[in-house]
Amino acid sequence: MSLEYAILGFLNYQPFTGYDLKKLFDRSVRHFWSADQSQIYRTLAHLTEEGKAEIEVVEQTDRPDRKVYHITPRGREAFMEWLGGPFPSDDPKSSPLVQVFFAGRLTNEQILEKFKVAREIFLAILETYEKVPAQIDEYVEMVKSPREQYFWFLTLDLGIRNMRTQLAWVEEVIETIESGGLPQE
């Protein structure tokens, strides 16, 4: 499970609370791996049960106590074994592409509207990706390794390139529909 290893990877840099991990996910790897707060906490509980992470309770007087998670030697070993192993070969899945596959059942107007909505979504995602470098400054400084920073930004570069390709594709489809180039029944 990649979420487990993403969390171990972040904990390998420094200890975090679940809340801080969620912020880190949202500002760094969101362009290829998202996780909601409950998934993060469930995974942290699982990592703790397996002895790959441990909890430090930090008492606070004006708020509930903070639970700070630390990677253990067992967690570091599992992370490095996973990292050095083969690339995971997850089957690609895309709900939007299932809709595209069967879109021939819709009217041209319905299809055009669907692709215009997709264009707006892709533009918004691309804009979000392009803001990532400014949003992760504090985390980049946490890493301190130019080599690791390079690979962080390498993933972002691929995300931006993929989104630009999808945007060009959707623009081409819209142009085909608007020019009357769709095959008819």
C-alpha atoms as a PDB file:
ATOM      1  CA  MET A   1       0.000   0.000   0.000  1.00  0.00           C
ATOM      2  CA  SER A   2       1.634   3.236  -1.149  1.00  0.00           C
ATOM      3  CA  LEU A   3      -0.042   5.443   1.470  1.00  0.00           C
ATOM      4  CA  GLU A   4       1.767   3.504   4.183  1.00  0.00           C
ATOM      5  CA  TYR A   5       5.110   4.065   2.483  1.00  0.00           C
ATOM      6  CA  ALA A   6       4.402   7.717   1.721  1.00  0.00           C
ATOM      7  CA  ILE A   7       3.755   8.280   5.424  1.00  0.00           C
ATOM      8  CA  LEU A   8       6.875   6.339   6.401  1.00  0.00           C
ATOM      9  CA  GLY A   9       8.839   8.404   3.877  1.00  0.00           C
ATOM     10  CA  PHE A  10       7.678  11.649   5.453  1.00  0.00           C
ATOM     11  CA  LEU A  11       8.272  10.346   8.982  1.00  0.00           C
ATOM     12  CA  ASN A  12      11.764   9.410   7.843  1.00  0.00           C
ATOM     13  CA  TYR A  13      12.479  13.164   7.554  1.00  0.00           C
ATOM     14  CA  GLN A  14      11.090  14.085  10.952  1.00  0.00           C
ATOM     15  CA  PRO A  15       8.238  13.313  13.364  1.00  0.00           C
ATOM     16  CA  PHE A  16       4.774  14.650  12.449  1.00  0.00           C
ATOM     17  CA  THR A  17       1.261  14.738  13.828  1.00  0.00           C
ATOM     18  CA  GLY A  18      -1.517  13.338  11.668  1.00  0.00           C
ATOM     19  CA  TYR A  19      -2.712  16.885  11.051  1.00  0.00           C
ATOM     20  CA  ASP A  20       0.754  17.982   9.917  1.00  0.00           C
ATOM     21  CA  LEU A  21       1.015  14.959   7.619  1.00  0.00           C
ATOM     22  CA  LYS A  22      -2.284  15.927   5.980  1.00  0.00           C
ATOM     23  CA  LYS A  23      -0.958  19.450   5.356  1.00  0.00           C
ATOM     24  CA  LEU A  24       2.244  18.003   3.951  1.00  0.00           C
ATOM     25  CA  PHE A  25       0.330  15.665   1.615  1.00  0.00           C
ATOM     26  CA  ASP A  26      -1.846  18.546   0.407  1.00  0.00           C
ATOM     27  CA  ARG A  27       1.153  20.737  -0.334  1.00  0.00           C
ATOM     28  CA  SER A  28       3.511  18.211  -1.858  1.00  0.00           C
ATOM     29  CA  VAL A  29       2.360  14.866  -3.272  1.00  0.00           C
ATOM     30  CA  ARG A  30      -1.282  15.768  -3.885  1.00  0.00           C
ATOM     31  CA  HIS A  31      -0.656  15.845  -7.642  1.00  0.00           C
ATOM     32  CA  PHE A  32      -0.198  12.084  -7.661  1.00  0.00           C
ATOM     33  CA  TRP A  33      -1.359  10.761  -4.295  1.00  0.00           C
ATOM     34  CA  SER A  34      -4.139  12.186  -2.195  1.00  0.00           C
ATOM     35  CA  ALA A  35      -5.197  11.097   1.237  1.00  0.00           C
ATOM     36  CA  ASP A  36      -7.914  12.353   3.504  1.00  0.00           C
ATOM     37  CA  GLN A  37      -7.436  12.876   7.214  1.00  0.00           C
ATOM     38  CA  SER A  38      -9.191   9.652   8.213  1.00  0.00           C
ATOM     39  CA  GLN A  39      -7.046   7.553   5.827  1.00  0.00           C
ATOM     40  CA  ILE A  40      -3.914   9.094   7.296  1.00  0.00           C
ATOM     41  CA  TYR A  41      -4.995   8.395  10.884  1.00  0.00           C
ATOM     42  CA  ARG A  42      -6.044   4.812  10.047  1.00  0.00           C
ATOM     43  CA  THR A  43      -2.696   4.207   8.384  1.00  0.00           C
ATOM     44  CA  LEU A  44      -0.819   5.746  11.313  1.00  0.00           C
ATOM     45  CA  ALA A  45      -2.715   3.420  13.668  1.00  0.00           C
ATOM     46  CA  HIS A  46      -1.796   0.456  11.454  1.00  0.00           C
ATOM     47  CA  LEU A  47       1.873   1.513  11.311  1.00  0.00           C
ATOM     48  CA  THR A  48       1.907   1.850  15.092  1.00  0.00           C
ATOM     49  CA  GLU A  49       0.342  -1.603  15.552  1.00  0.00           C
ATOM     50  CA  GLU A  50       2.989  -3.090  13.269  1.00  0.00           C
ATOM     51  CA  GLY A  51       5.791  -1.391  15.180  1.00  0.00           C
ATOM     52  CA  LYS A  52       6.813   0.742  12.193  1.00  0.00           C
ATOM     53  CA  ALA A  53       5.891   3.981  13.960  1.00  0.00           C
ATOM     54  CA  GLU A  54       5.490   5.031  17.541  1.00  0.00           C
ATOM     55  CA  ILE A  55       3.507   7.767  19.215  1.00  0.00           C
ATOM     56  CA  GLU A  56       4.861  10.487  21.444  1.00  0.00           C
ATOM     57  CA  VAL A  57       2.116  12.221  23.411  1.00  0.00           C
ATOM     58  CA  VAL A  58       2.897  15.900  23.892  1.00  0.00           C
ATOM     59  CA  GLU A  59       0.843  17.412  26.674  1.00  0.00           C
ATOM     60  CA  GLN A  60      -0.770  20.795  26.059  1.00  0.00           C
ATOM     61  CA  THR A  61      -2.579  22.881  28.614  1.00  0.00           C
ATOM     62  CA  ASP A  62      -4.892  24.873  26.348  1.00  0.00           C
ATOM     63  CA  ARG A  63      -5.686  22.108  23.833  1.00  0.00           C
ATOM     64  CA  PRO A  64      -5.967  18.325  23.663  1.00  0.00           C
ATOM     65  CA  ASP A  65      -2.643  16.516  23.849  1.00  0.00           C
ATOM     66  CA  ARG A  66      -0.794  16.177  20.526  1.00  0.00           C
ATOM     67  CA  LYS A  67       0.150  12.786  19.158  1.00  0.00           C
ATOM     68  CA  VAL A  68       3.449  13.023  17.336  1.00  0.00           C
ATOM     69  CA  TYR A  69       4.414  10.026  15.225  1.00  0.00           C
ATOM     70  CA  HIS A  70       8.022   8.869  14.861  1.00  0.00           C
ATOM     71  CA  ILE A  71       9.364   6.264  12.473  1.00  0.00           C
ATOM     72  CA  THR A  72      10.955   3.261  14.212  1.00  0.00           C
ATOM     73  CA  PRO A  73      13.985   1.302  12.996  1.00  0.00           C
ATOM     74  CA  ARG A  74      11.553  -1.383  11.794  1.00  0.00           C
ATOM     75  CA  GLY A  75       9.597   1.274   9.875  1.00  0.00           C
ATOM     76  CA  ARG A  76      12.766   2.718   8.346  1.00  0.00           C
ATOM     77  CA  GLU A  77      13.856  -0.763   7.270  1.00  0.00           C
ATOM     78  CA  ALA A  78      10.439  -1.503   5.698  1.00  0.00           C
ATOM     79  CA  PHE A  79      10.467   1.850   3.913  1.00  0.00           C
ATOM     80  CA  MET A  80      13.965   1.381   2.499  1.00  0.00           C
ATOM     81  CA  GLU A  81      13.145  -2.190   1.398  1.00  0.00           C
ATOM     82  CA  TRP A  82      10.025  -0.942  -0.414  1.00  0.00           C
ATOM     83  CA  LEU A  83      11.905   2.042  -1.889  1.00  0.00           C
ATOM     84  CA  GLY A  84      14.702  -0.153  -3.236  1.00  0.00           C
ATOM     85  CA  GLY A  85      12.273  -2.723  -4.631  1.00  0.00           C
ATOM     86  CA  PRO A  86      10.661  -2.778  -8.057  1.00  0.00           C
ATOM     87  CA  PHE A  87       8.267  -0.064  -9.195  1.00  0.00           C
ATOM     88  CA  PRO A  88       4.723  -0.910  -8.090  1.00  0.00           C
ATOM     89  CA  SER A  89       2.692  -1.834 -11.157  1.00  0.00           C
ATOM     90  CA  ASP A  90      -0.781  -0.766 -10.152  1.00  0.00           C
ATOM     91  CA  ASP A  91      -3.439  -1.275 -12.778  1.00  0.00           C
ATOM     92  CA  PRO A  92      -4.435   2.106 -14.199  1.00  0.00           C
ATOM     93  CA  LYS A  93      -8.026   3.059 -13.437  1.00  0.00           C
ATOM     94  CA  SER A  94      -9.891   6.142 -14.556  1.00  0.00           C
ATOM     95  CA  SER A  95     -13.580   6.767 -13.954  1.00  0.00           C
ATOM     96  CA  PRO A  96     -13.537   9.743 -16.373  1.00  0.00           C
ATOM     97  CA  LEU A  97     -12.138   7.543 -19.149  1.00  0.00           C
ATOM     98  CA  VAL A  98     -14.929   5.011 -18.612  1.00  0.00           C
ATOM     99  CA  GLN A  99     -17.363   7.877 -19.300  1.00  0.00           C
ATOM    100  CA  VAL A 100     -15.386   8.889 -22.401  1.00  0.00           C
ATOM    101  CA  PHE A 101     -15.393   5.293 -23.620  1.00  0.00           C
ATOM    102  CA  PHE A 102     -19.203   5.175 -23.593  1.00  0.00           C
ATOM    103  CA  ALA A 103     -19.810   8.854 -24.511  1.00  0.00           C
ATOM    104  CA  GLY A 104     -21.021   7.924 -27.993  1.00  0.00           C
ATOM    105  CA  ARG A 105     -24.426   7.295 -26.411  1.00  0.00           C
ATOM    106  CA  LEU A 106     -24.753  11.022 -25.580  1.00  0.00           C
ATOM    107  CA  THR A 107     -25.784  13.893 -27.835  1.00  0.00           C
ATOM    108  CA  ASN A 108     -23.063  16.117 -29.282  1.00  0.00           C
ATOM    109  CA  GLU A 109     -24.226  18.902 -26.956  1.00  0.00           C
ATOM    110  CA  GLN A 110     -23.912  16.654 -23.893  1.00  0.00           C
ATOM    111  CA  ILE A 111     -20.470  15.473 -24.987  1.00  0.00           C
ATOM    112  CA  LEU A 112     -19.316  19.034 -25.669  1.00  0.00           C
ATOM    113  CA  GLU A 113     -20.489  20.152 -22.234  1.00  0.00           C
ATOM    114  CA  LYS A 114     -18.725  17.205 -20.564  1.00  0.00           C
ATOM    115  CA  PHE A 115     -15.431  18.055 -22.273  1.00  0.00           C
ATOM    116  CA  LYS A 116     -15.755  21.765 -21.503  1.00  0.00           C
ATOM    117  CA  VAL A 117     -16.190  20.875 -17.834  1.00  0.00           C
ATOM    118  CA  ALA A 118     -13.156  18.585 -18.096  1.00  0.00           C
ATOM    119  CA  ARG A 119     -11.147  21.464 -19.583  1.00  0.00           C
ATOM    120  CA  GLU A 120     -12.010  23.676 -16.585  1.00  0.00           C
ATOM    121  CA  ILE A 121     -11.045  20.895 -14.180  1.00  0.00           C
ATOM    122  CA  PHE A 122      -7.719  20.322 -15.959  1.00  0.00           C
ATOM    123  CA  LEU A 123      -6.984  24.067 -15.989  1.00  0.00           C
ATOM    124  CA  ALA A 124      -7.695  24.293 -12.246  1.00  0.00           C
ATOM    125  CA  ILE A 125      -5.497  21.265 -11.506  1.00  0.00           C
ATOM    126  CA  LEU A 126      -2.675  22.674 -13.632  1.00  0.00           C
ATOM    127  CA  GLU A 127      -2.936  26.013 -11.819  1.00  0.00           C
ATOM    128  CA  THR A 128      -2.771  24.181  -8.482  1.00  0.00           C
ATOM    129  CA  TYR A 129       0.302  22.213  -9.566  1.00  0.00           C
ATOM    130  CA  GLU A 130       2.058  25.354 -10.715  1.00  0.00           C
ATOM    131  CA  LYS A 131       1.577  26.851  -7.212  1.00  0.00           C
ATOM    132  CA  VAL A 132       3.134  23.856  -5.448  1.00  0.00           C
ATOM    133  CA  PRO A 133       6.744  25.148  -5.365  1.00  0.00           C
ATOM    134  CA  ALA A 134       5.716  28.231  -3.379  1.00  0.00           C
ATOM    135  CA  GLN A 135       3.527  26.148  -1.057  1.00  0.00           C
ATOM    136  CA  ILE A 136       6.208  23.656  -0.061  1.00  0.00           C
ATOM    137  CA  ASP A 137       9.101  25.996   0.719  1.00  0.00           C
ATOM    138  CA  GLU A 138       9.012  25.134   4.427  1.00  0.00           C
ATOM    139  CA  TYR A 139       9.026  21.405   3.651  1.00  0.00           C
ATOM    140  CA  VAL A 140      11.806  21.665   1.074  1.00  0.00           C
ATOM    141  CA  GLU A 141      13.941  23.349   3.736  1.00  0.00           C
ATOM    142  CA  MET A 142      13.087  20.485   6.113  1.00  0.00           C
ATOM    143  CA  VAL A 143      14.676  17.992   3.713  1.00  0.00           C
ATOM    144  CA  LYS A 144      17.941  19.951   3.229  1.00  0.00           C
ATOM    145  CA  SER A 145      19.153  17.451   0.611  1.00  0.00           C
ATOM    146  CA  PRO A 146      19.404  18.900  -2.911  1.00  0.00           C
ATOM    147  CA  ARG A 147      19.292  15.336  -4.221  1.00  0.00           C
ATOM    148  CA  GLU A 148      15.980  14.566  -2.488  1.00  0.00           C
ATOM    149  CA  GLN A 149      14.598  17.989  -3.426  1.00  0.00           C
ATOM    150  CA  TYR A 150      15.417  17.202  -7.049  1.00  0.00           C
ATOM    151  CA  PHE A 151      13.267  14.080  -6.937  1.00  0.00           C
ATOM    152  CA  TRP A 152      10.430  15.915  -5.185  1.00  0.00           C
ATOM    153  CA  PHE A 153      10.336  18.399  -8.044  1.00  0.00           C
ATOM    154  CA  LEU A 154      10.771  15.634 -10.623  1.00  0.00           C
ATOM    155  CA  THR A 155       7.394  14.193  -9.582  1.00  0.00           C
ATOM    156  CA  LEU A 156       5.835  17.644  -9.844  1.00  0.00           C
ATOM    157  CA  ASP A 157       7.323  18.100 -13.317  1.00  0.00           C
ATOM    158  CA  LEU A 158       5.696  14.861 -14.484  1.00  0.00           C
ATOM    159  CA  GLY A 159       2.363  15.904 -12.956  1.00  0.00           C
ATOM    160  CA  ILE A 160       2.483  19.239 -14.795  1.00  0.00           C
ATOM    161  CA  ARG A 161       3.465  17.578 -18.066  1.00  0.00           C
ATOM    162  CA  ASN A 162       0.684  15.001 -17.737  1.00  0.00           C
ATOM    163  CA  MET A 163      -1.885  17.687 -17.006  1.00  0.00           C
ATOM    164  CA  ARG A 164      -0.727  19.803 -19.965  1.00  0.00           C
ATOM    165  CA  THR A 165      -1.033  16.739 -22.207  1.00  0.00           C
ATOM    166  CA  GLN A 166      -4.547  16.025 -20.926  1.00  0.00           C
ATOM    167  CA  LEU A 167      -5.487  19.667 -21.449  1.00  0.00           C
ATOM    168  CA  ALA A 168      -4.190  19.596 -25.046  1.00  0.00           C
ATOM    169  CA  TRP A 169      -6.140  16.369 -25.629  1.00  0.00           C
ATOM    170  CA  VAL A 170      -9.406  17.794 -24.272  1.00  0.00           C
ATOM    171  CA  GLU A 171      -8.926  20.979 -26.346  1.00  0.00           C
ATOM    172  CA  GLU A 172      -8.518  18.809 -29.442  1.00  0.00           C
ATOM    173  CA  VAL A 173     -11.704  16.892 -28.655  1.00  0.00           C
ATOM    174  CA  ILE A 174     -13.629  20.134 -28.118  1.00  0.00           C
ATOM    175  CA  GLU A 175     -12.345  21.452 -31.454  1.00  0.00           C
ATOM    176  CA  THR A 176     -13.425  18.226 -33.188  1.00  0.00           C
ATOM    177  CA  ILE A 177     -16.925  18.467 -31.702  1.00  0.00           C
ATOM    178  CA  GLU A 178     -17.318  22.188 -32.448  1.00  0.00           C
ATOM    179  CA  SER A 179     -16.144  21.772 -36.046  1.00  0.00           C
ATOM    180  CA  GLY A 180     -18.666  18.990 -36.674  1.00  0.00           C
ATOM    181  CA  GLY A 181     -15.971  16.328 -36.944  1.00  0.00           C
ATOM    182  CA  LEU A 182     -17.655  13.721 -34.740  1.00  0.00           C
ATOM    183  CA  PRO A 183     -18.866  10.631 -36.618  1.00  0.00           C
ATOM    184  CA  GLN A 184     -22.652  10.376 -36.812  1.00  0.00           C
ATOM    185  CA  GLU A 185     -24.844   7.328 -36.243  1.00  0.00           C
END
